[in-house]
Protein backbone atom coordinates (compact mmCIF):
# COMPACT_ATOMS: atom_id res chain seq x y z
CA MET A 1 63.24 -77.23 16.00
CA SER A 2 65.32 -74.45 17.30
CA LEU A 3 64.10 -71.30 19.05
CA ARG A 4 65.15 -69.21 16.04
CA ASP A 5 63.10 -71.41 13.59
CA ALA A 6 60.06 -71.09 16.01
CA VAL A 7 60.47 -67.31 16.09
CA VAL A 8 60.74 -67.00 12.30
CA MET A 9 57.65 -69.37 11.75
CA MET A 10 55.58 -67.14 14.06
CA ALA A 11 56.98 -63.87 12.77
CA THR A 12 56.49 -64.35 9.12
CA PRO A 13 52.77 -64.62 9.18
CA LEU A 14 52.57 -61.78 11.56
CA VAL A 15 54.74 -59.55 9.22
CA TRP A 16 52.51 -60.47 6.25
CA THR A 17 49.40 -59.80 8.30
CA VAL A 18 50.71 -56.38 9.36
CA THR A 19 51.80 -55.67 5.58
CA VAL A 20 48.32 -56.66 4.29
CA THR A 21 46.60 -54.46 6.83
CA VAL A 22 48.74 -51.50 6.05
CA VAL A 23 48.30 -51.93 2.39
CA SER A 24 44.51 -52.42 2.76
CA SER A 25 44.29 -49.27 4.89
CA MET A 26 46.29 -47.25 2.24
CA LEU A 27 44.00 -48.62 -0.47
CA GLY A 28 40.91 -47.75 1.42
CA ARG A 29 42.17 -44.02 2.08
CA ASN A 30 43.05 -43.73 -1.67
CA ARG A 31 39.57 -44.96 -2.57
CA SER A 32 38.04 -42.25 -0.33
CA ALA A 33 40.22 -39.53 -1.65
CA ILE A 34 39.30 -40.62 -5.26
CA GLU A 35 35.60 -40.44 -4.43
CA GLU A 36 36.00 -37.07 -2.65
CA SER A 37 37.91 -35.80 -5.79
CA ALA A 38 35.26 -37.11 -8.19
CA THR A 39 32.42 -35.41 -6.09
CA ALA A 40 34.37 -32.17 -6.08
CA GLN A 41 34.92 -32.30 -9.74
CA ARG A 42 31.19 -32.86 -10.39
CA LYS A 43 30.27 -30.00 -8.18
CA THR A 44 32.85 -27.67 -10.05
CA GLU A 45 31.45 -28.94 -13.41
CA THR A 46 27.98 -28.24 -12.33
CA ARG A 47 28.92 -24.68 -10.99
CA LEU A 48 30.80 -23.86 -14.22
CA ALA A 49 27.91 -25.11 -16.30
CA ASN A 50 25.41 -23.02 -14.37
CA ALA A 51 27.75 -19.93 -14.75
CA TYR A 52 28.11 -20.49 -18.42
CA ALA A 53 24.31 -20.94 -18.98
CA ALA A 54 23.73 -17.73 -17.04
CA GLN A 55 26.36 -15.93 -19.21
CA VAL A 56 24.59 -17.18 -22.26
CA ALA A 57 21.22 -16.17 -21.05
CA ARG A 58 22.41 -12.66 -20.16
CA GLY A 59 23.99 -12.41 -23.70
CA GLU A 60 20.71 -13.43 -25.36
CA TRP A 61 18.81 -11.00 -23.16
CA ALA A 62 21.13 -8.28 -23.98
CA THR A 63 20.91 -9.05 -27.79
CA ASP A 64 17.11 -9.22 -27.64
CA LEU A 65 16.99 -5.88 -25.66
CA ASP A 66 19.25 -4.16 -28.18
CA GLN A 67 17.16 -5.41 -31.16
CA ARG A 68 13.87 -4.35 -29.41
CA THR A 69 14.94 -0.92 -28.15
CA ARG A 70 17.39 0.27 -30.76
CA PRO A 71 14.81 1.45 -33.31
CA ALA A 72 12.95 3.28 -30.63
CA ILE A 73 16.05 5.07 -29.25
CA GLU A 74 17.25 6.00 -32.69
CA SER A 75 13.77 7.30 -33.52
CA ILE A 76 13.95 9.48 -30.33
CA VAL A 77 17.34 10.77 -31.16
CA ARG A 78 16.43 11.86 -34.68
CA GLY A 79 13.42 13.44 -33.20
CA GLU A 80 10.98 11.42 -35.37
CA ILE A 81 8.34 10.88 -32.62
CA THR A 82 4.67 10.51 -33.64
CA GLU A 83 1.70 9.75 -31.48
CA THR A 84 1.75 6.20 -32.84
CA ASN A 85 5.45 5.88 -32.02
CA ARG A 86 4.85 7.41 -28.54
CA CYS A 87 2.29 4.49 -27.88
CA GLU A 88 4.58 1.96 -29.20
CA PHE A 89 7.34 3.23 -26.98
CA LEU A 90 5.04 3.22 -23.79
CA LEU A 91 4.13 -0.32 -24.73
CA LEU A 92 7.66 -1.36 -25.06
CA GLU A 93 8.57 0.25 -21.85
CA ALA A 94 5.80 -1.56 -20.10
CA GLU A 95 6.81 -4.93 -21.72
CA LEU A 96 10.39 -4.47 -20.47
CA ARG A 97 9.33 -3.35 -17.03
CA ASP A 98 7.19 -6.39 -16.56
CA GLN A 99 9.96 -8.68 -17.95
CA ILE A 100 12.47 -7.38 -15.38
CA ARG A 101 9.97 -7.42 -12.59
CA GLY A 102 8.47 -10.84 -13.69
CA GLY A 103 11.70 -12.62 -14.41
CA ALA A 104 11.68 -15.81 -16.41
CA PRO A 105 7.93 -16.39 -16.63
CA VAL A 106 7.67 -13.47 -19.00
CA GLY A 107 9.02 -14.90 -22.27
CA PRO A 108 8.47 -13.85 -25.86
CA GLY A 109 5.15 -15.86 -26.09
CA VAL A 110 3.57 -14.60 -22.85
CA SER A 111 4.63 -11.00 -23.71
CA GLU A 112 3.06 -11.20 -27.13
CA ALA A 113 -0.10 -12.79 -25.71
CA ALA A 114 -0.36 -9.87 -23.07
């Protein structure tokens, strides 16, 4: 066996070992990048879902507020205020104030019960 043949026999496994190590390292980095990307995507999806839920809740609250207060405001604008209306308006004001101060615990059922 010549010196050249001996070098080729020793270099070939060494080249393959280096190649396999480099490819394995690249695959590991790609796997980590994919996991980081998936985690970031889940966080973004959660943030967007929370923002959408808050937007829907604000929209429902605004609709509910409009439905509850519009008749009272229209009565006030027309100047049709009786003592009974005045008591209803004061009650409505108190309910809205408690709802704003109390936040989520004051739902329609709790408000009606109070």
